[in-house]
């Protein structure tokens, strides 16, 4: 009996059967121009469209990575470096996944300033604390959707509205929530969102 689906899930039979041809027959490089590569490109584009449909995004907004940790890393560093001339302040919580905490720690070593919001006894941040933490230097808010250890669901939609009003980019790690509750990037008001397939009966190494 397996009781640790919160950490990782078994690849479903349906997913396994869907993937098998790409290990044995349709293994072409999707960046090439010849036939087998074009078939791989079609499959990749279909996967991108399906992910986009699942979160109410556009396919061109979907970037495949090696997993949730790389997705967090890419999103946070990407915004930080792109907007560093505007400001170097980032807001997060003190209960984020190590993928976020470690990335922010690296940025702190490069003179970025990070505010770590506390949470209440239920693991939820205060929106008032968030508002008070925002400064003219704030360029990014990164707060996870559902906590991987507590199960706490943060008020992401409300946080996103605040970020939009202030012109601040908003990233959320939805690795733990996707597939369990609705994840709609438009409703949540997020600019960047991280996912990982191994949490939803997909293969490891895909985010």
N, C-alpha and C. Protein backbone atom coordinates (compact mmCIF):
# COMPACT_ATOMS: atom_id res chain seq x y z
N UNK A 1 0.84 -1.19 0.00
CA UNK A 1 0.00 0.00 0.00
C UNK A 1 0.88 1.25 0.00
N UNK A 2 0.58 2.18 -0.88
CA UNK A 2 1.37 3.42 -0.99
C UNK A 2 0.56 4.58 -0.43
N UNK A 3 1.13 5.29 0.54
CA UNK A 3 0.39 6.35 1.23
C UNK A 3 1.12 7.69 1.20
N UNK A 4 1.92 7.92 0.19
CA UNK A 4 2.69 9.18 0.16
C UNK A 4 2.49 9.94 -1.14
N UNK A 5 1.24 10.00 -1.60
CA UNK A 5 0.96 10.70 -2.85
C UNK A 5 1.16 12.21 -2.75
N UNK A 6 1.25 12.72 -1.53
CA UNK A 6 1.54 14.14 -1.37
C UNK A 6 2.96 14.45 -1.81
N UNK A 7 3.86 13.48 -1.67
CA UNK A 7 5.26 13.66 -2.06
C UNK A 7 5.45 13.40 -3.55
N UNK A 8 4.95 12.26 -4.01
CA UNK A 8 5.02 11.94 -5.44
C UNK A 8 3.99 10.86 -5.75
N UNK A 9 3.58 10.78 -7.00
CA UNK A 9 2.56 9.82 -7.40
C UNK A 9 3.10 8.82 -8.41
N UNK A 10 2.43 7.69 -8.49
CA UNK A 10 2.78 6.68 -9.49
C UNK A 10 2.27 7.14 -10.85
N UNK A 11 3.05 6.91 -11.89
CA UNK A 11 2.60 7.23 -13.24
C UNK A 11 1.38 6.38 -13.56
N UNK A 12 0.30 7.01 -13.98
CA UNK A 12 -0.91 6.26 -14.28
C UNK A 12 -0.71 5.42 -15.54
N UNK A 13 -1.48 4.35 -15.65
CA UNK A 13 -1.38 3.46 -16.81
C UNK A 13 -1.69 4.22 -18.09
N UNK A 14 -2.67 5.12 -18.03
CA UNK A 14 -3.05 5.90 -19.21
C UNK A 14 -1.89 6.77 -19.68
N UNK A 15 -1.21 7.42 -18.74
CA UNK A 15 -0.07 8.26 -19.08
C UNK A 15 1.07 7.41 -19.63
N UNK A 16 1.32 6.28 -18.99
CA UNK A 16 2.39 5.39 -19.42
C UNK A 16 2.18 4.93 -20.87
N UNK A 17 0.96 4.53 -21.19
CA UNK A 17 0.66 4.06 -22.55
C UNK A 17 0.80 5.19 -23.56
N UNK A 18 0.43 6.40 -23.15
CA UNK A 18 0.55 7.57 -24.04
C UNK A 18 2.01 7.89 -24.33
N UNK A 19 2.88 7.63 -23.36
CA UNK A 19 4.29 7.98 -23.50
C UNK A 19 5.13 6.90 -24.17
N UNK A 20 4.71 5.66 -24.11
CA UNK A 20 5.52 4.54 -24.61
C UNK A 20 6.06 4.72 -26.02
N UNK A 21 5.25 5.18 -26.97
CA UNK A 21 5.78 5.31 -28.35
C UNK A 21 6.98 6.25 -28.45
N UNK A 22 7.08 7.20 -27.53
CA UNK A 22 8.18 8.17 -27.62
C UNK A 22 9.49 7.63 -27.06
N UNK A 23 9.43 6.46 -26.45
CA UNK A 23 10.64 5.78 -26.01
C UNK A 23 11.12 4.74 -27.02
N UNK A 24 10.21 4.31 -27.89
CA UNK A 24 10.54 3.20 -28.79
C UNK A 24 10.46 3.53 -30.28
N UNK A 25 9.55 4.40 -30.67
CA UNK A 25 9.32 4.66 -32.09
C UNK A 25 9.39 6.14 -32.47
N UNK A 26 8.71 6.98 -31.73
CA UNK A 26 8.59 8.40 -32.09
C UNK A 26 9.54 9.25 -31.24
N UNK A 27 10.82 8.93 -31.32
CA UNK A 27 11.81 9.56 -30.44
C UNK A 27 12.58 10.69 -31.11
N UNK A 28 12.07 11.21 -32.23
CA UNK A 28 12.78 12.25 -32.97
C UNK A 28 12.91 13.55 -32.20
N UNK A 29 13.93 14.31 -32.55
CA UNK A 29 14.16 15.63 -31.96
C UNK A 29 13.10 16.60 -32.49
N UNK A 30 12.28 17.19 -31.61
CA UNK A 30 11.20 18.06 -32.09
C UNK A 30 11.69 19.35 -32.74
N UNK A 31 12.98 19.64 -32.63
CA UNK A 31 13.53 20.86 -33.25
C UNK A 31 14.02 20.62 -34.67
N UNK A 32 13.97 19.38 -35.13
CA UNK A 32 14.46 19.06 -36.48
C UNK A 32 13.35 19.21 -37.51
N UNK A 33 13.71 19.09 -38.79
CA UNK A 33 12.75 19.30 -39.88
C UNK A 33 12.26 18.00 -40.51
N UNK A 34 12.94 16.87 -40.23
CA UNK A 34 12.53 15.62 -40.87
C UNK A 34 11.31 15.01 -40.17
N UNK A 35 10.73 13.99 -40.82
CA UNK A 35 9.45 13.44 -40.43
C UNK A 35 9.28 13.05 -38.98
N UNK A 36 10.18 12.22 -38.47
CA UNK A 36 10.02 11.74 -37.11
C UNK A 36 10.13 12.89 -36.10
N UNK A 37 10.92 13.89 -36.44
CA UNK A 37 11.03 15.06 -35.58
C UNK A 37 9.77 15.90 -35.60
N UNK A 38 9.15 16.00 -36.77
CA UNK A 38 7.91 16.76 -36.88
C UNK A 38 6.79 16.11 -36.07
N UNK A 39 6.78 14.79 -36.03
CA UNK A 39 5.78 14.08 -35.22
C UNK A 39 5.99 14.38 -33.74
N UNK A 40 7.24 14.42 -33.32
CA UNK A 40 7.54 14.76 -31.93
C UNK A 40 7.10 16.19 -31.62
N UNK A 41 7.30 17.09 -32.58
CA UNK A 41 6.90 18.49 -32.40
C UNK A 41 5.39 18.60 -32.25
N UNK A 42 4.66 17.80 -33.04
CA UNK A 42 3.20 17.80 -32.93
C UNK A 42 2.76 17.36 -31.53
N UNK A 43 3.40 16.31 -31.03
CA UNK A 43 3.07 15.80 -29.70
C UNK A 43 3.39 16.83 -28.62
N UNK A 44 4.53 17.50 -28.78
CA UNK A 44 4.93 18.53 -27.82
C UNK A 44 3.94 19.69 -27.82
N UNK A 45 3.53 20.11 -29.00
CA UNK A 45 2.56 21.20 -29.10
C UNK A 45 1.21 20.82 -28.51
N UNK A 46 0.82 19.55 -28.71
CA UNK A 46 -0.44 19.08 -28.14
C UNK A 46 -0.37 19.08 -26.62
N UNK A 47 0.76 18.63 -26.08
CA UNK A 47 0.94 18.63 -24.63
C UNK A 47 0.89 20.06 -24.08
N UNK A 48 1.51 20.97 -24.80
CA UNK A 48 1.51 22.38 -24.38
C UNK A 48 0.08 22.94 -24.37
N UNK A 49 -0.69 22.59 -25.39
CA UNK A 49 -2.07 23.05 -25.47
C UNK A 49 -2.90 22.48 -24.34
N UNK A 50 -2.69 21.21 -24.02
CA UNK A 50 -3.47 20.57 -22.95
C UNK A 50 -3.17 21.19 -21.59
N UNK A 51 -1.91 21.50 -21.35
CA UNK A 51 -1.54 22.16 -20.09
C UNK A 51 -2.18 23.54 -20.03
N UNK A 52 -2.09 24.26 -21.14
CA UNK A 52 -2.69 25.60 -21.20
C UNK A 52 -4.19 25.55 -20.92
N UNK A 53 -4.87 24.61 -21.54
CA UNK A 53 -6.31 24.46 -21.34
C UNK A 53 -6.64 24.16 -19.88
N UNK A 54 -5.79 23.37 -19.24
CA UNK A 54 -6.04 22.95 -17.86
C UNK A 54 -5.97 24.10 -16.87
N UNK A 55 -5.19 25.13 -17.19
CA UNK A 55 -5.05 26.26 -16.26
C UNK A 55 -5.57 27.57 -16.84
N UNK A 56 -6.28 27.49 -17.96
CA UNK A 56 -6.85 28.67 -18.62
C UNK A 56 -5.77 29.66 -19.04
N UNK A 57 -4.73 29.13 -19.65
CA UNK A 57 -3.64 29.95 -20.17
C UNK A 57 -3.57 29.80 -21.68
N UNK A 58 -2.63 30.50 -22.30
CA UNK A 58 -2.38 30.36 -23.73
C UNK A 58 -1.19 29.42 -23.94
N UNK A 59 -1.20 28.61 -24.99
CA UNK A 59 -0.11 27.65 -25.19
C UNK A 59 1.26 28.30 -25.27
N UNK A 60 1.34 29.50 -25.83
CA UNK A 60 2.63 30.17 -25.93
C UNK A 60 3.15 30.65 -24.57
N UNK A 61 2.30 30.59 -23.56
CA UNK A 61 2.72 30.97 -22.21
C UNK A 61 3.29 29.80 -21.42
N UNK A 62 3.20 28.60 -21.98
CA UNK A 62 3.66 27.40 -21.28
C UNK A 62 5.12 27.12 -21.62
N UNK A 63 5.95 27.03 -20.58
CA UNK A 63 7.37 26.71 -20.74
C UNK A 63 7.65 25.42 -19.99
N UNK A 64 8.12 24.40 -20.70
CA UNK A 64 8.42 23.12 -20.05
C UNK A 64 9.80 23.18 -19.40
N UNK A 65 9.88 22.63 -18.19
CA UNK A 65 11.14 22.57 -17.44
C UNK A 65 11.35 21.15 -16.95
N UNK A 66 12.38 20.96 -16.13
CA UNK A 66 12.67 19.63 -15.60
C UNK A 66 11.89 19.34 -14.32
N UNK A 67 11.05 20.27 -13.87
CA UNK A 67 10.27 20.02 -12.67
C UNK A 67 9.86 21.30 -11.97
N UNK A 68 9.17 21.14 -10.83
CA UNK A 68 8.69 22.29 -10.08
C UNK A 68 9.80 23.19 -9.56
N UNK A 69 10.88 22.58 -9.10
CA UNK A 69 11.98 23.37 -8.55
C UNK A 69 12.62 24.27 -9.60
N UNK A 70 12.86 23.72 -10.79
CA UNK A 70 13.42 24.56 -11.85
C UNK A 70 12.42 25.63 -12.27
N UNK A 71 11.15 25.29 -12.27
CA UNK A 71 10.12 26.27 -12.63
C UNK A 71 10.13 27.44 -11.67
N UNK A 72 10.20 27.15 -10.36
CA UNK A 72 10.29 28.22 -9.35
C UNK A 72 11.54 29.06 -9.58
N UNK A 73 12.65 28.37 -9.76
CA UNK A 73 13.94 29.03 -9.95
C UNK A 73 13.91 29.96 -11.16
N UNK A 74 13.41 29.45 -12.27
CA UNK A 74 13.36 30.22 -13.51
C UNK A 74 12.44 31.43 -13.39
N UNK A 75 11.28 31.23 -12.78
CA UNK A 75 10.32 32.33 -12.64
C UNK A 75 10.86 33.44 -11.76
N UNK A 76 11.40 33.07 -10.61
CA UNK A 76 11.86 34.07 -9.64
C UNK A 76 13.11 34.80 -10.14
N UNK A 77 14.10 34.05 -10.59
CA UNK A 77 15.32 34.69 -11.10
C UNK A 77 15.03 35.51 -12.36
N UNK A 78 14.16 34.98 -13.20
CA UNK A 78 13.86 35.68 -14.44
C UNK A 78 13.29 37.06 -14.19
N UNK A 79 12.31 37.14 -13.29
CA UNK A 79 11.72 38.44 -12.95
C UNK A 79 12.72 39.32 -12.22
N UNK A 80 13.44 38.73 -11.27
CA UNK A 80 14.40 39.51 -10.48
C UNK A 80 15.45 40.17 -11.35
N UNK A 81 16.04 39.41 -12.26
CA UNK A 81 17.10 39.96 -13.10
C UNK A 81 16.54 40.94 -14.15
N UNK A 82 15.36 40.64 -14.66
CA UNK A 82 14.77 41.51 -15.68
C UNK A 82 14.39 42.87 -15.10
N UNK A 83 13.90 42.88 -13.85
CA UNK A 83 13.38 44.11 -13.26
C UNK A 83 14.31 44.72 -12.22
N UNK A 84 15.54 44.25 -12.14
CA UNK A 84 16.45 44.70 -11.08
C UNK A 84 16.75 46.20 -11.14
N UNK A 85 16.63 46.80 -12.32
CA UNK A 85 16.87 48.25 -12.41
C UNK A 85 15.70 49.04 -11.84
N UNK A 86 14.53 48.41 -11.78
CA UNK A 86 13.35 49.05 -11.22
C UNK A 86 13.34 48.95 -9.70
N UNK A 87 13.80 47.81 -9.20
CA UNK A 87 13.84 47.59 -7.75
C UNK A 87 14.42 46.23 -7.44
N UNK A 88 14.76 46.03 -6.17
CA UNK A 88 15.36 44.75 -5.76
C UNK A 88 14.68 44.19 -4.51
N UNK A 89 13.38 44.44 -4.39
CA UNK A 89 12.65 43.95 -3.22
C UNK A 89 11.64 42.89 -3.63
N UNK A 90 11.65 41.77 -2.92
CA UNK A 90 10.75 40.65 -3.18
C UNK A 90 10.03 40.28 -1.89
N UNK A 91 8.76 39.92 -2.00
CA UNK A 91 7.96 39.52 -0.84
C UNK A 91 7.57 38.05 -0.98
N UNK A 92 7.72 37.30 0.12
CA UNK A 92 7.34 35.89 0.15
C UNK A 92 6.82 35.56 1.55
N UNK A 93 6.72 34.27 1.88
CA UNK A 93 6.32 33.88 3.23
C UNK A 93 7.43 33.06 3.87
N UNK A 94 7.29 32.83 5.17
CA UNK A 94 8.31 32.04 5.86
C UNK A 94 8.03 30.54 5.83
N UNK A 95 7.04 30.11 5.01
CA UNK A 95 6.75 28.68 4.91
C UNK A 95 6.80 28.19 3.46
N UNK A 96 7.59 28.85 2.64
CA UNK A 96 7.69 28.44 1.23
C UNK A 96 8.49 27.16 1.07
N UNK A 97 8.33 26.52 -0.08
CA UNK A 97 9.11 25.33 -0.43
C UNK A 97 10.58 25.71 -0.56
N UNK A 98 11.50 24.79 -0.23
CA UNK A 98 12.94 25.08 -0.38
C UNK A 98 13.33 25.57 -1.78
N UNK A 99 12.61 25.14 -2.80
CA UNK A 99 12.92 25.60 -4.16
C UNK A 99 12.80 27.11 -4.26
N UNK A 100 11.86 27.68 -3.52
CA UNK A 100 11.68 29.13 -3.50
C UNK A 100 12.66 29.77 -2.51
N UNK A 101 12.74 29.21 -1.32
CA UNK A 101 13.62 29.78 -0.29
C UNK A 101 15.08 29.81 -0.75
N UNK A 102 15.54 28.74 -1.34
CA UNK A 102 16.94 28.68 -1.77
C UNK A 102 17.22 29.68 -2.89
N UNK A 103 16.27 29.83 -3.80
CA UNK A 103 16.45 30.79 -4.88
C UNK A 103 16.50 32.21 -4.33
N UNK A 104 15.63 32.50 -3.37
CA UNK A 104 15.62 33.83 -2.77
C UNK A 104 16.90 34.07 -1.96
N UNK A 105 17.39 33.02 -1.32
CA UNK A 105 18.65 33.15 -0.59
C UNK A 105 19.80 33.52 -1.53
N UNK A 106 19.80 32.91 -2.70
CA UNK A 106 20.82 33.25 -3.70
C UNK A 106 20.69 34.71 -4.11
N UNK A 107 19.47 35.17 -4.33
CA UNK A 107 19.27 36.56 -4.73
C UNK A 107 19.67 37.53 -3.62
N UNK A 108 19.46 37.12 -2.38
CA UNK A 108 19.89 37.97 -1.26
C UNK A 108 21.41 38.15 -1.27
N UNK A 109 22.12 37.12 -1.71
CA UNK A 109 23.58 37.24 -1.80
C UNK A 109 24.00 38.22 -2.89
N UNK A 110 23.05 38.58 -3.76
CA UNK A 110 23.32 39.55 -4.83
C UNK A 110 22.69 40.91 -4.49
N UNK A 111 22.42 41.11 -3.21
CA UNK A 111 21.90 42.39 -2.69
C UNK A 111 20.42 42.64 -2.96
N UNK A 112 19.67 41.60 -3.30
CA UNK A 112 18.22 41.75 -3.33
C UNK A 112 17.72 41.69 -1.89
N UNK A 113 16.64 42.40 -1.60
CA UNK A 113 16.03 42.40 -0.28
C UNK A 113 14.76 41.56 -0.31
N UNK A 114 14.63 40.67 0.66
CA UNK A 114 13.46 39.78 0.70
C UNK A 114 12.73 39.95 2.03
N UNK A 115 11.43 40.17 1.95
CA UNK A 115 10.58 40.22 3.14
C UNK A 115 9.87 38.89 3.27
N UNK A 116 10.03 38.24 4.44
CA UNK A 116 9.39 36.95 4.70
C UNK A 116 8.18 37.18 5.60
N UNK A 117 6.99 37.10 5.04
CA UNK A 117 5.78 37.33 5.82
C UNK A 117 5.51 36.18 6.77
N UNK A 118 5.12 36.48 8.01
CA UNK A 118 4.74 35.41 8.95
C UNK A 118 3.36 34.88 8.61
N UNK A 119 3.01 33.75 9.19
CA UNK A 119 1.67 33.18 9.00
C UNK A 119 1.01 33.00 10.35
N UNK A 120 -0.31 32.88 10.35
CA UNK A 120 -1.03 32.66 11.61
C UNK A 120 -1.01 31.18 11.99
N UNK A 121 -1.77 30.83 13.02
CA UNK A 121 -1.76 29.45 13.52
C UNK A 121 -2.29 28.45 12.50
N UNK A 122 -2.98 28.93 11.49
CA UNK A 122 -3.49 28.06 10.43
C UNK A 122 -2.58 28.07 9.20
N UNK A 123 -1.47 28.80 9.29
CA UNK A 123 -0.52 28.83 8.19
C UNK A 123 -0.86 29.80 7.08
N UNK A 124 -1.72 30.77 7.37
CA UNK A 124 -2.16 31.72 6.35
C UNK A 124 -1.58 33.10 6.63
N UNK A 125 -1.17 33.78 5.58
CA UNK A 125 -0.62 35.12 5.75
C UNK A 125 -1.73 36.14 5.99
N UNK A 126 -1.36 37.29 6.52
CA UNK A 126 -2.27 38.41 6.65
C UNK A 126 -2.13 39.29 5.41
N UNK A 127 -3.23 39.55 4.74
CA UNK A 127 -3.19 40.42 3.56
C UNK A 127 -2.75 41.83 3.96
N UNK A 128 -3.11 42.25 5.17
CA UNK A 128 -2.68 43.56 5.65
C UNK A 128 -1.17 43.61 5.79
N UNK A 129 -0.58 42.51 6.28
CA UNK A 129 0.89 42.45 6.38
C UNK A 129 1.52 42.58 5.00
N UNK A 130 0.90 41.93 4.02
CA UNK A 130 1.40 42.01 2.65
C UNK A 130 1.38 43.44 2.14
N UNK A 131 0.25 44.12 2.34
CA UNK A 131 0.13 45.50 1.88
C UNK A 131 1.18 46.39 2.52
N UNK A 132 1.41 46.19 3.82
CA UNK A 132 2.39 47.01 4.54
C UNK A 132 3.82 46.74 4.08
N UNK A 133 4.06 45.53 3.58
CA UNK A 133 5.42 45.15 3.17
C UNK A 133 5.80 45.72 1.81
N UNK A 134 4.81 46.11 1.02
CA UNK A 134 5.08 46.62 -0.33
C UNK A 134 5.75 47.98 -0.28
N UNK A 135 6.80 48.13 -1.05
CA UNK A 135 7.50 49.41 -1.17
C UNK A 135 7.62 49.79 -2.64
N UNK A 136 8.20 50.95 -2.88
CA UNK A 136 8.42 51.38 -4.27
C UNK A 136 9.44 50.50 -4.97
N UNK A 137 10.20 49.72 -4.19
CA UNK A 137 11.24 48.86 -4.74
C UNK A 137 10.74 47.44 -5.02
N UNK A 138 9.50 47.14 -4.60
CA UNK A 138 8.99 45.77 -4.74
C UNK A 138 8.72 45.43 -6.20
N UNK A 139 9.34 44.35 -6.67
CA UNK A 139 9.17 43.94 -8.07
C UNK A 139 8.47 42.58 -8.20
N UNK A 140 8.43 41.82 -7.10
CA UNK A 140 7.88 40.46 -7.20
C UNK A 140 7.30 40.01 -5.87
N UNK A 141 6.15 39.36 -5.95
CA UNK A 141 5.57 38.64 -4.81
C UNK A 141 5.53 37.18 -5.21
N UNK A 142 6.08 36.30 -4.38
CA UNK A 142 6.04 34.86 -4.67
C UNK A 142 5.51 34.13 -3.44
N UNK A 143 4.31 33.59 -3.56
CA UNK A 143 3.64 32.91 -2.45
C UNK A 143 2.98 31.65 -2.99
N UNK A 144 3.25 30.51 -2.35
CA UNK A 144 2.73 29.24 -2.85
C UNK A 144 1.22 29.14 -2.67
N UNK A 145 0.57 28.43 -3.57
CA UNK A 145 -0.88 28.27 -3.54
C UNK A 145 -1.30 27.39 -2.37
N UNK A 146 -0.85 26.13 -2.37
CA UNK A 146 -1.14 25.21 -1.27
C UNK A 146 0.18 24.71 -0.70
N UNK A 147 0.32 24.78 0.61
CA UNK A 147 1.57 24.37 1.24
C UNK A 147 1.74 22.85 1.18
N UNK A 148 2.94 22.41 0.86
CA UNK A 148 3.20 20.98 0.67
C UNK A 148 3.23 20.19 1.97
N UNK A 149 3.34 20.85 3.12
CA UNK A 149 3.38 20.15 4.40
C UNK A 149 2.12 20.39 5.23
N UNK A 150 1.59 21.62 5.18
CA UNK A 150 0.43 21.97 5.99
C UNK A 150 -0.90 21.79 5.26
N UNK A 151 -0.85 21.90 3.94
CA UNK A 151 -2.09 21.86 3.16
C UNK A 151 -2.80 23.20 3.13
N UNK A 152 -2.20 24.20 3.76
CA UNK A 152 -2.79 25.54 3.80
C UNK A 152 -2.94 26.12 2.40
N UNK A 153 -4.10 26.69 2.14
CA UNK A 153 -4.35 27.35 0.86
C UNK A 153 -4.36 28.86 1.09
N UNK A 154 -3.43 29.55 0.46
CA UNK A 154 -3.33 30.99 0.64
C UNK A 154 -4.37 31.73 -0.21
N UNK A 155 -4.73 32.96 0.18
CA UNK A 155 -5.71 33.76 -0.59
C UNK A 155 -5.08 34.33 -1.86
N UNK A 156 -4.74 33.44 -2.77
CA UNK A 156 -3.97 33.81 -3.96
C UNK A 156 -4.71 34.83 -4.83
N UNK A 157 -6.01 34.66 -5.00
CA UNK A 157 -6.76 35.59 -5.84
C UNK A 157 -6.68 37.01 -5.29
N UNK A 158 -6.83 37.15 -3.99
CA UNK A 158 -6.77 38.47 -3.35
C UNK A 158 -5.36 39.05 -3.43
N UNK A 159 -4.36 38.19 -3.21
CA UNK A 159 -2.97 38.63 -3.32
C UNK A 159 -2.68 39.11 -4.74
N UNK A 160 -3.19 38.36 -5.71
CA UNK A 160 -2.99 38.72 -7.11
C UNK A 160 -3.59 40.06 -7.47
N UNK A 161 -4.77 40.35 -6.91
CA UNK A 161 -5.41 41.65 -7.17
C UNK A 161 -4.56 42.79 -6.62
N UNK A 162 -4.01 42.59 -5.43
CA UNK A 162 -3.15 43.61 -4.83
C UNK A 162 -1.92 43.84 -5.70
N UNK A 163 -1.32 42.74 -6.15
CA UNK A 163 -0.13 42.84 -6.99
C UNK A 163 -0.44 43.59 -8.29
N UNK A 164 -1.58 43.27 -8.91
CA UNK A 164 -1.97 43.93 -10.16
C UNK A 164 -2.16 45.43 -9.95
N UNK A 165 -2.83 45.78 -8.85
CA UNK A 165 -3.09 47.19 -8.56
C UNK A 165 -1.79 47.98 -8.37
N UNK A 166 -0.77 47.29 -7.83
CA UNK A 166 0.50 47.95 -7.55
C UNK A 166 1.51 47.81 -8.69
N UNK A 167 1.14 47.07 -9.73
CA UNK A 167 2.06 46.86 -10.85
C UNK A 167 3.23 45.96 -10.50
N UNK A 168 2.99 44.99 -9.61
CA UNK A 168 4.03 44.07 -9.15
C UNK A 168 3.79 42.69 -9.75
N UNK A 169 4.82 42.04 -10.23
CA UNK A 169 4.68 40.68 -10.77
C UNK A 169 4.39 39.70 -9.63
N UNK A 170 3.54 38.70 -9.94
CA UNK A 170 3.12 37.74 -8.92
C UNK A 170 3.35 36.31 -9.41
N UNK A 171 4.10 35.56 -8.63
CA UNK A 171 4.37 34.15 -8.93
C UNK A 171 3.79 33.28 -7.82
N UNK A 172 3.18 32.16 -8.21
CA UNK A 172 2.73 31.19 -7.21
C UNK A 172 3.16 29.79 -7.60
N UNK A 173 3.60 29.04 -6.62
CA UNK A 173 3.94 27.63 -6.80
C UNK A 173 2.66 26.83 -6.56
N UNK A 174 2.09 26.30 -7.64
CA UNK A 174 0.84 25.54 -7.55
C UNK A 174 1.08 24.04 -7.71
N UNK A 175 2.31 23.61 -7.46
CA UNK A 175 2.66 22.19 -7.62
C UNK A 175 1.76 21.31 -6.77
N UNK A 176 1.47 21.73 -5.54
CA UNK A 176 0.71 20.89 -4.62
C UNK A 176 -0.80 21.00 -4.84
N UNK A 177 -1.26 22.08 -5.43
CA UNK A 177 -2.70 22.29 -5.56
C UNK A 177 -3.27 21.81 -6.90
N UNK A 178 -2.47 21.87 -7.96
CA UNK A 178 -2.97 21.50 -9.28
C UNK A 178 -3.43 20.05 -9.30
N UNK A 179 -4.63 19.83 -9.81
CA UNK A 179 -5.19 18.49 -9.86
C UNK A 179 -6.05 18.16 -8.66
N UNK A 180 -6.00 19.03 -7.64
CA UNK A 180 -6.81 18.81 -6.43
C UNK A 180 -7.89 19.88 -6.29
N UNK A 181 -7.52 21.12 -6.60
CA UNK A 181 -8.49 22.21 -6.61
C UNK A 181 -8.30 22.98 -7.92
N UNK A 182 -9.24 23.84 -8.24
CA UNK A 182 -9.16 24.60 -9.49
C UNK A 182 -7.93 25.50 -9.50
N UNK A 183 -7.21 25.48 -10.60
CA UNK A 183 -6.08 26.39 -10.81
C UNK A 183 -6.33 27.10 -12.14
N UNK A 184 -6.76 28.34 -12.05
CA UNK A 184 -7.09 29.15 -13.22
C UNK A 184 -6.26 30.43 -13.14
N UNK A 185 -5.32 30.60 -14.04
CA UNK A 185 -4.40 31.73 -13.94
C UNK A 185 -5.10 33.07 -14.06
N UNK A 186 -6.22 33.10 -14.77
CA UNK A 186 -6.96 34.36 -14.91
C UNK A 186 -7.68 34.70 -13.61
N UNK A 187 -8.36 33.72 -13.03
CA UNK A 187 -9.08 33.96 -11.78
C UNK A 187 -8.12 34.27 -10.63
N UNK A 188 -6.95 33.63 -10.65
CA UNK A 188 -5.99 33.81 -9.56
C UNK A 188 -5.16 35.08 -9.71
N UNK A 189 -5.24 35.72 -10.87
CA UNK A 189 -4.50 36.97 -11.10
C UNK A 189 -2.99 36.79 -10.98
N UNK A 190 -2.48 35.67 -11.49
CA UNK A 190 -1.04 35.42 -11.40
C UNK A 190 -0.35 35.69 -12.73
N UNK A 191 0.92 36.08 -12.65
CA UNK A 191 1.73 36.29 -13.84
C UNK A 191 2.57 35.07 -14.18
N UNK A 192 3.00 34.35 -13.14
CA UNK A 192 3.82 33.15 -13.32
C UNK A 192 3.34 32.08 -12.36
N UNK A 193 3.28 30.83 -12.84
CA UNK A 193 2.77 29.73 -12.03
C UNK A 193 3.60 28.48 -12.29
N UNK A 194 3.96 27.78 -11.23
CA UNK A 194 4.78 26.57 -11.35
C UNK A 194 3.94 25.32 -11.14
N UNK A 195 4.20 24.29 -11.96
CA UNK A 195 3.53 23.00 -11.86
C UNK A 195 4.56 21.89 -11.96
N UNK A 196 4.16 20.67 -11.59
CA UNK A 196 5.05 19.51 -11.75
C UNK A 196 4.21 18.27 -12.00
N UNK A 197 4.56 17.53 -13.05
CA UNK A 197 3.72 16.40 -13.47
C UNK A 197 3.75 15.23 -12.50
N UNK A 198 4.84 15.07 -11.74
CA UNK A 198 4.92 13.89 -10.87
C UNK A 198 3.95 13.94 -9.70
N UNK A 199 3.31 15.10 -9.49
CA UNK A 199 2.30 15.22 -8.44
C UNK A 199 0.92 14.81 -8.92
N UNK A 200 0.77 14.62 -10.23
CA UNK A 200 -0.56 14.32 -10.79
C UNK A 200 -0.53 13.06 -11.66
N UNK A 201 0.24 12.07 -11.21
CA UNK A 201 0.34 10.78 -11.90
C UNK A 201 1.01 10.87 -13.26
N UNK A 202 1.86 11.87 -13.42
CA UNK A 202 2.67 12.00 -14.62
C UNK A 202 4.11 11.62 -14.33
N UNK A 203 4.98 11.72 -15.33
CA UNK A 203 6.38 11.32 -15.14
C UNK A 203 7.17 12.35 -14.34
N UNK A 204 8.23 11.89 -13.70
CA UNK A 204 9.16 12.80 -13.04
C UNK A 204 10.00 13.50 -14.11
N UNK A 205 10.51 14.66 -13.77
CA UNK A 205 11.36 15.39 -14.71
C UNK A 205 10.61 16.28 -15.68
N UNK A 206 9.35 16.59 -15.37
CA UNK A 206 8.57 17.48 -16.23
C UNK A 206 7.86 18.51 -15.36
N UNK A 207 8.10 19.78 -15.66
CA UNK A 207 7.43 20.86 -14.92
C UNK A 207 6.92 21.91 -15.88
